[in-house]
Amino acid sequence: MKTVYRLTATKGSSEKYGACECCGRMADSIYHLTRYRAYTTNAGKQGMSYLSDAFGHKNCLAKTTEAA
C-alpha cells in the first residue's frame, strides 16, 4: 500500500478557511491537501481509502508529503 495525495486550490483565503494548519500564519491563498491510502484487493480490485486532510499554504502542505 502507498499514500496518495491530492492538492486542491480552495480559491479562498484564511479569512474563509482560517490560518494555515501547518505554520499557523494567515494566507492569501489556502490549499486543501487530502491523503489517501491506495490498495489492491486479493481479487485485483484497486481503490483508495481516506486517511486525513489539512488546509494551508501550498508550500507548507507540500513539506508534509516529503516526510511520508
PDB file of N, CA and C in Angstrom:
ATOM      1  N   MET A   1       0.835  -1.182   0.000  1.00  0.00           N
ATOM      2  CA  MET A   1       0.000   0.000   0.000  1.00  0.00           C
ATOM      3  C   MET A   1       0.878   1.244   0.000  1.00  0.00           C
ATOM      4  N   LYS A   2       0.374   2.293  -0.644  1.00  0.00           N
ATOM      5  CA  LYS A   2       1.118   3.544  -0.650  1.00  0.00           C
ATOM      6  C   LYS A   2       0.167   4.700  -0.384  1.00  0.00           C
ATOM      7  N   THR A   3       0.738   5.820   0.048  1.00  0.00           N
ATOM      8  CA  THR A   3      -0.055   7.012   0.309  1.00  0.00           C
ATOM      9  C   THR A   3      -0.133   7.851  -0.951  1.00  0.00           C
ATOM     10  N   VAL A   4      -1.332   8.317  -1.272  1.00  0.00           N
ATOM     11  CA  VAL A   4      -1.593   9.155  -2.436  1.00  0.00           C
ATOM     12  C   VAL A   4      -2.096  10.501  -1.923  1.00  0.00           C
ATOM     13  N   TYR A   5      -1.636  11.580  -2.543  1.00  0.00           N
ATOM     14  CA  TYR A   5      -2.011  12.925  -2.111  1.00  0.00           C
ATOM     15  C   TYR A   5      -2.770  13.648  -3.216  1.00  0.00           C
ATOM     16  N   ARG A   6      -3.728  14.489  -2.802  1.00  0.00           N
ATOM     17  CA  ARG A   6      -4.445  15.351  -3.741  1.00  0.00           C
ATOM     18  C   ARG A   6      -4.409  16.762  -3.169  1.00  0.00           C
ATOM     19  N   LEU A   7      -3.831  17.693  -3.927  1.00  0.00           N
ATOM     20  CA  LEU A   7      -3.728  19.086  -3.513  1.00  0.00           C
ATOM     21  C   LEU A   7      -4.651  19.915  -4.388  1.00  0.00           C
ATOM     22  N   THR A   8      -5.559  20.659  -3.761  1.00  0.00           N
ATOM     23  CA  THR A   8      -6.561  21.434  -4.477  1.00  0.00           C
ATOM     24  C   THR A   8      -6.563  22.876  -3.991  1.00  0.00           C
ATOM     25  N   ALA A   9      -6.608  23.814  -4.922  1.00  0.00           N
ATOM     26  CA  ALA A   9      -6.748  25.223  -4.555  1.00  0.00           C
ATOM     27  C   ALA A   9      -8.193  25.456  -4.116  1.00  0.00           C
ATOM     28  N   THR A  10      -8.384  26.125  -2.990  1.00  0.00           N
ATOM     29  CA  THR A  10      -9.736  26.368  -2.486  1.00  0.00           C
ATOM     30  C   THR A  10     -10.356  27.629  -3.086  1.00  0.00           C
ATOM     31  N   LYS A  11      -9.536  28.475  -3.696  1.00  0.00           N
ATOM     32  CA  LYS A  11      -9.976  29.773  -4.213  1.00  0.00           C
ATOM     33  C   LYS A  11     -10.482  30.662  -3.091  1.00  0.00           C
ATOM     34  N   GLY A  12      -9.922  30.435  -1.887  1.00  0.00           N
ATOM     35  CA  GLY A  12     -10.266  31.242  -0.724  1.00  0.00           C
ATOM     36  C   GLY A  12      -9.016  31.543   0.090  1.00  0.00           C
ATOM     37  N   SER A  13      -9.165  32.445   1.033  1.00  0.00           N
ATOM     38  CA  SER A  13      -8.040  32.854   1.875  1.00  0.00           C
ATOM     39  C   SER A  13      -8.275  32.401   3.318  1.00  0.00           C
ATOM     40  N   SER A  14      -7.367  32.800   4.197  1.00  0.00           N
ATOM     41  CA  SER A  14      -7.513  32.498   5.614  1.00  0.00           C
ATOM     42  C   SER A  14      -8.751  33.158   6.197  1.00  0.00           C
ATOM     43  N   GLU A  15      -9.216  34.206   5.556  1.00  0.00           N
ATOM     44  CA  GLU A  15     -10.436  34.867   6.018  1.00  0.00           C
ATOM     45  C   GLU A  15     -11.610  33.884   6.009  1.00  0.00           C
ATOM     46  N   LYS A  16     -11.619  32.977   5.043  1.00  0.00           N
ATOM     47  CA  LYS A  16     -12.687  31.985   4.931  1.00  0.00           C
ATOM     48  C   LYS A  16     -12.333  30.674   5.625  1.00  0.00           C
ATOM     49  N   TYR A  17     -11.075  30.205   5.477  1.00  0.00           N
ATOM     50  CA  TYR A  17     -10.681  28.877   5.941  1.00  0.00           C
ATOM     51  C   TYR A  17      -9.858  28.855   7.218  1.00  0.00           C
ATOM     52  N   GLY A  18      -9.455  30.014   7.710  1.00  0.00           N
ATOM     53  CA  GLY A  18      -8.626  30.064   8.904  1.00  0.00           C
ATOM     54  C   GLY A  18      -7.146  30.015   8.560  1.00  0.00           C
ATOM     55  N   ALA A  19      -6.326  30.060   9.570  1.00  0.00           N
ATOM     56  CA  ALA A  19      -4.870  30.066   9.403  1.00  0.00           C
ATOM     57  C   ALA A  19      -4.374  28.714   8.891  1.00  0.00           C
ATOM     58  N   CYS A  20      -3.175  28.727   8.323  1.00  0.00           N
ATOM     59  CA  CYS A  20      -2.518  27.504   7.850  1.00  0.00           C
ATOM     60  C   CYS A  20      -2.405  26.517   9.013  1.00  0.00           C
ATOM     61  N   GLU A  21      -2.825  25.286   8.815  1.00  0.00           N
ATOM     62  CA  GLU A  21      -2.778  24.270   9.860  1.00  0.00           C
ATOM     63  C   GLU A  21      -1.355  23.793  10.148  1.00  0.00           C
ATOM     64  N   CYS A  22      -0.422  24.102   9.250  1.00  0.00           N
ATOM     65  CA  CYS A  22       0.962  23.678   9.444  1.00  0.00           C
ATOM     66  C   CYS A  22       1.772  24.708  10.231  1.00  0.00           C
ATOM     67  N   CYS A  23       1.696  25.976   9.805  1.00  0.00           N
ATOM     68  CA  CYS A  23       2.545  27.010  10.409  1.00  0.00           C
ATOM     69  C   CYS A  23       1.773  28.007  11.263  1.00  0.00           C
ATOM     70  N   GLY A  24       0.453  28.031  11.132  1.00  0.00           N
ATOM     71  CA  GLY A  24      -0.362  28.921  11.939  1.00  0.00           C
ATOM     72  C   GLY A  24      -0.481  30.350  11.421  1.00  0.00           C
ATOM     73  N   ARG A  25       0.166  30.646  10.287  1.00  0.00           N
ATOM     74  CA  ARG A  25       0.106  32.002   9.731  1.00  0.00           C
ATOM     75  C   ARG A  25      -1.082  32.130   8.782  1.00  0.00           C
ATOM     76  N   MET A  26      -1.507  33.360   8.583  1.00  0.00           N
ATOM     77  CA  MET A  26      -2.591  33.652   7.652  1.00  0.00           C
ATOM     78  C   MET A  26      -2.066  33.555   6.217  1.00  0.00           C
ATOM     79  N   ALA A  27      -2.979  33.309   5.253  1.00  0.00           N
ATOM     80  CA  ALA A  27      -2.567  33.148   3.859  1.00  0.00           C
ATOM     81  C   ALA A  27      -3.591  33.782   2.924  1.00  0.00           C
ATOM     82  N   ASP A  28      -3.092  34.357   1.838  1.00  0.00           N
ATOM     83  CA  ASP A  28      -3.978  34.913   0.808  1.00  0.00           C
ATOM     84  C   ASP A  28      -4.658  33.806   0.013  1.00  0.00           C
ATOM     85  N   SER A  29      -3.961  32.689  -0.161  1.00  0.00           N
ATOM     86  CA  SER A  29      -4.497  31.537  -0.888  1.00  0.00           C
ATOM     87  C   SER A  29      -4.340  30.300  -0.018  1.00  0.00           C
ATOM     88  N   ILE A  30      -5.441  29.624   0.241  1.00  0.00           N
ATOM     89  CA  ILE A  30      -5.416  28.404   1.054  1.00  0.00           C
ATOM     90  C   ILE A  30      -5.628  27.202   0.138  1.00  0.00           C
ATOM     91  N   TYR A  31      -4.857  26.159   0.386  1.00  0.00           N
ATOM     92  CA  TYR A  31      -4.963  24.905  -0.362  1.00  0.00           C
ATOM     93  C   TYR A  31      -5.479  23.803   0.561  1.00  0.00           C
ATOM     94  N   HIS A  32      -6.056  22.784  -0.041  1.00  0.00           N
ATOM     95  CA  HIS A  32      -6.585  21.640   0.694  1.00  0.00           C
ATOM     96  C   HIS A  32      -5.822  20.392   0.256  1.00  0.00           C
ATOM     97  N   LEU A  33      -5.164  19.749   1.197  1.00  0.00           N
ATOM     98  CA  LEU A  33      -4.417  18.518   0.919  1.00  0.00           C
ATOM     99  C   LEU A  33      -5.176  17.345   1.524  1.00  0.00           C
ATOM    100  N   THR A  34      -5.493  16.356   0.684  1.00  0.00           N
ATOM    101  CA  THR A  34      -6.173  15.150   1.149  1.00  0.00           C
ATOM    102  C   THR A  34      -5.235  13.971   0.965  1.00  0.00           C
ATOM    103  N   ARG A  35      -5.141  13.136   2.001  1.00  0.00           N
ATOM    104  CA  ARG A  35      -4.290  11.943   1.961  1.00  0.00           C
ATOM    105  C   ARG A  35      -5.173  10.704   1.851  1.00  0.00           C
ATOM    106  N   TYR A  36      -4.787   9.805   0.944  1.00  0.00           N
ATOM    107  CA  TYR A  36      -5.496   8.551   0.741  1.00  0.00           C
ATOM    108  C   TYR A  36      -4.501   7.395   0.804  1.00  0.00           C
ATOM    109  N   ARG A  37      -4.995   6.231   1.132  1.00  0.00           N
ATOM    110  CA  ARG A  37      -4.207   5.004   1.086  1.00  0.00           C
ATOM    111  C   ARG A  37      -4.659   4.233  -0.140  1.00  0.00           C
ATOM    112  N   ALA A  38      -3.760   4.006  -1.079  1.00  0.00           N
ATOM    113  CA  ALA A  38      -4.074   3.222  -2.280  1.00  0.00           C
ATOM    114  C   ALA A  38      -3.884   1.744  -1.944  1.00  0.00           C
ATOM    115  N   TYR A  39      -4.794   0.916  -2.434  1.00  0.00           N
ATOM    116  CA  TYR A  39      -4.707  -0.512  -2.137  1.00  0.00           C
ATOM    117  C   TYR A  39      -5.196  -1.339  -3.324  1.00  0.00           C
ATOM    118  N   THR A  40      -4.826  -2.605  -3.312  1.00  0.00           N
ATOM    119  CA  THR A  40      -5.310  -3.582  -4.273  1.00  0.00           C
ATOM    120  C   THR A  40      -5.806  -4.784  -3.487  1.00  0.00           C
ATOM    121  N   THR A  41      -7.034  -5.213  -3.741  1.00  0.00           N
ATOM    122  CA  THR A  41      -7.585  -6.360  -3.026  1.00  0.00           C
ATOM    123  C   THR A  41      -7.003  -7.655  -3.579  1.00  0.00           C
ATOM    124  N   ASN A  42      -7.245  -8.754  -2.894  1.00  0.00           N
ATOM    125  CA  ASN A  42      -6.787 -10.064  -3.368  1.00  0.00           C
ATOM    126  C   ASN A  42      -7.409 -10.413  -4.714  1.00  0.00           C
ATOM    127  N   ALA A  43      -8.588  -9.855  -4.990  1.00  0.00           N
ATOM    128  CA  ALA A  43      -9.267 -10.113  -6.262  1.00  0.00           C
ATOM    129  C   ALA A  43      -8.744  -9.210  -7.379  1.00  0.00           C
ATOM    130  N   GLY A  44      -7.810  -8.300  -7.057  1.00  0.00           N
ATOM    131  CA  GLY A  44      -7.224  -7.436  -8.060  1.00  0.00           C
ATOM    132  C   GLY A  44      -7.890  -6.076  -8.210  1.00  0.00           C
ATOM    133  N   LYS A  45      -8.922  -5.828  -7.427  1.00  0.00           N
ATOM    134  CA  LYS A  45      -9.621  -4.547  -7.493  1.00  0.00           C
ATOM    135  C   LYS A  45      -8.785  -3.467  -6.796  1.00  0.00           C
ATOM    136  N   GLN A  46      -8.623  -2.317  -7.456  1.00  0.00           N
ATOM    137  CA  GLN A  46      -7.860  -1.215  -6.881  1.00  0.00           C
ATOM    138  C   GLN A  46      -8.801  -0.185  -6.293  1.00  0.00           C
ATOM    139  N   GLY A  47      -8.336   0.479  -5.250  1.00  0.00           N
ATOM    140  CA  GLY A  47      -9.151   1.511  -4.617  1.00  0.00           C
ATOM    141  C   GLY A  47      -8.317   2.404  -3.732  1.00  0.00           C
ATOM    142  N   MET A  48      -8.980   3.393  -3.153  1.00  0.00           N
ATOM    143  CA  MET A  48      -8.317   4.308  -2.228  1.00  0.00           C
ATOM    144  C   MET A  48      -9.242   4.548  -1.046  1.00  0.00           C
ATOM    145  N   SER A  49      -8.661   4.671   0.119  1.00  0.00           N
ATOM    146  CA  SER A  49      -9.444   4.998   1.302  1.00  0.00           C
ATOM    147  C   SER A  49      -8.892   6.275   1.924  1.00  0.00           C
ATOM    148  N   TYR A  50      -9.789   7.098   2.415  1.00  0.00           N
ATOM    149  CA  TYR A  50      -9.436   8.388   3.006  1.00  0.00           C
ATOM    150  C   TYR A  50      -8.622   8.187   4.283  1.00  0.00           C
ATOM    151  N   LEU A  51      -7.558   9.003   4.442  1.00  0.00           N
ATOM    152  CA  LEU A  51      -6.753   8.983   5.663  1.00  0.00           C
ATOM    153  C   LEU A  51      -6.932  10.266   6.467  1.00  0.00           C
ATOM    154  N   SER A  52      -6.675  11.422   5.836  1.00  0.00           N
ATOM    155  CA  SER A  52      -6.748  12.693   6.548  1.00  0.00           C
ATOM    156  C   SER A  52      -6.720  13.845   5.563  1.00  0.00           C
ATOM    157  N   ASP A  53      -6.904  15.061   6.087  1.00  0.00           N
ATOM    158  CA  ASP A  53      -6.774  16.232   5.234  1.00  0.00           C
ATOM    159  C   ASP A  53      -6.310  17.420   6.059  1.00  0.00           C
ATOM    160  N   ALA A  54      -5.863  18.473   5.366  1.00  0.00           N
ATOM    161  CA  ALA A  54      -5.375  19.678   6.023  1.00  0.00           C
ATOM    162  C   ALA A  54      -5.540  20.864   5.083  1.00  0.00           C
ATOM    163  N   PHE A  55      -5.625  22.047   5.670  1.00  0.00           N
ATOM    164  CA  PHE A  55      -5.725  23.289   4.919  1.00  0.00           C
ATOM    165  C   PHE A  55      -4.528  24.150   5.243  1.00  0.00           C
ATOM    166  N   GLY A  56      -3.962  24.820   4.222  1.00  0.00           N
ATOM    167  CA  GLY A  56      -2.825  25.695   4.490  1.00  0.00           C
ATOM    168  C   GLY A  56      -2.153  26.218   3.244  1.00  0.00           C
ATOM    169  N   HIS A  57      -0.954  26.802   3.468  1.00  0.00           N
ATOM    170  CA  HIS A  57      -0.129  27.283   2.361  1.00  0.00           C
ATOM    171  C   HIS A  57       0.279  26.091   1.492  1.00  0.00           C
ATOM    172  N   LYS A  58       0.403  26.312   0.207  1.00  0.00           N
ATOM    173  CA  LYS A  58       0.814  25.244  -0.714  1.00  0.00           C
ATOM    174  C   LYS A  58       2.168  24.672  -0.308  1.00  0.00           C
ATOM    175  N   ASN A  59       3.130  25.544  -0.003  1.00  0.00           N
ATOM    176  CA  ASN A  59       4.476  25.080   0.358  1.00  0.00           C
ATOM    177  C   ASN A  59       4.483  24.310   1.671  1.00  0.00           C
ATOM    178  N   CYS A  60       3.717  24.766   2.653  1.00  0.00           N
ATOM    179  CA  CYS A  60       3.649  24.058   3.941  1.00  0.00           C
ATOM    180  C   CYS A  60       3.080  22.665   3.772  1.00  0.00           C
ATOM    181  N   LEU A  61       2.004  22.560   3.014  1.00  0.00           N
ATOM    182  CA  LEU A  61       1.376  21.253   2.798  1.00  0.00           C
ATOM    183  C   LEU A  61       2.287  20.325   2.014  1.00  0.00           C
ATOM    184  N   ALA A  62       3.002  20.871   1.030  1.00  0.00           N
ATOM    185  CA  ALA A  62       3.921  20.056   0.233  1.00  0.00           C
ATOM    186  C   ALA A  62       5.021  19.465   1.105  1.00  0.00           C
ATOM    187  N   LYS A  63       5.482  20.210   2.086  1.00  0.00           N
ATOM    188  CA  LYS A  63       6.524  19.714   3.003  1.00  0.00           C
ATOM    189  C   LYS A  63       6.039  18.497   3.789  1.00  0.00           C
ATOM    190  N   THR A  64       4.741  18.443   4.099  1.00  0.00           N
ATOM    191  CA  THR A  64       4.239  17.307   4.860  1.00  0.00           C
ATOM    192  C   THR A  64       4.228  16.021   4.049  1.00  0.00           C
ATOM    193  N   THR A  65       4.227  16.138   2.725  1.00  0.00           N
ATOM    194  CA  THR A  65       4.243  14.941   1.870  1.00  0.00           C
ATOM    195  C   THR A  65       5.653  14.392   1.697  1.00  0.00           C
ATOM    196  N   GLU A  66       6.666  15.212   1.902  1.00  0.00           N
ATOM    197  CA  GLU A  66       8.045  14.781   1.738  1.00  0.00           C
ATOM    198  C   GLU A  66       8.478  13.827   2.831  1.00  0.00           C
ATOM    199  N   ALA A  67       7.902  13.975   4.015  1.00  0.00           N
ATOM    200  CA  ALA A  67       8.290  13.132   5.149  1.00  0.00           C
ATOM    201  C   ALA A  67       7.653  11.744   5.082  1.00  0.00           C
ATOM    202  N   ALA A  68       6.630  11.620   4.263  1.00  0.00           N
ATOM    203  CA  ALA A  68       5.900  10.349   4.195  1.00  0.00           C
ATOM    204  C   ALA A  68       6.606   9.314   3.374  1.00  0.00           C
TER     205      ALA A  68
END
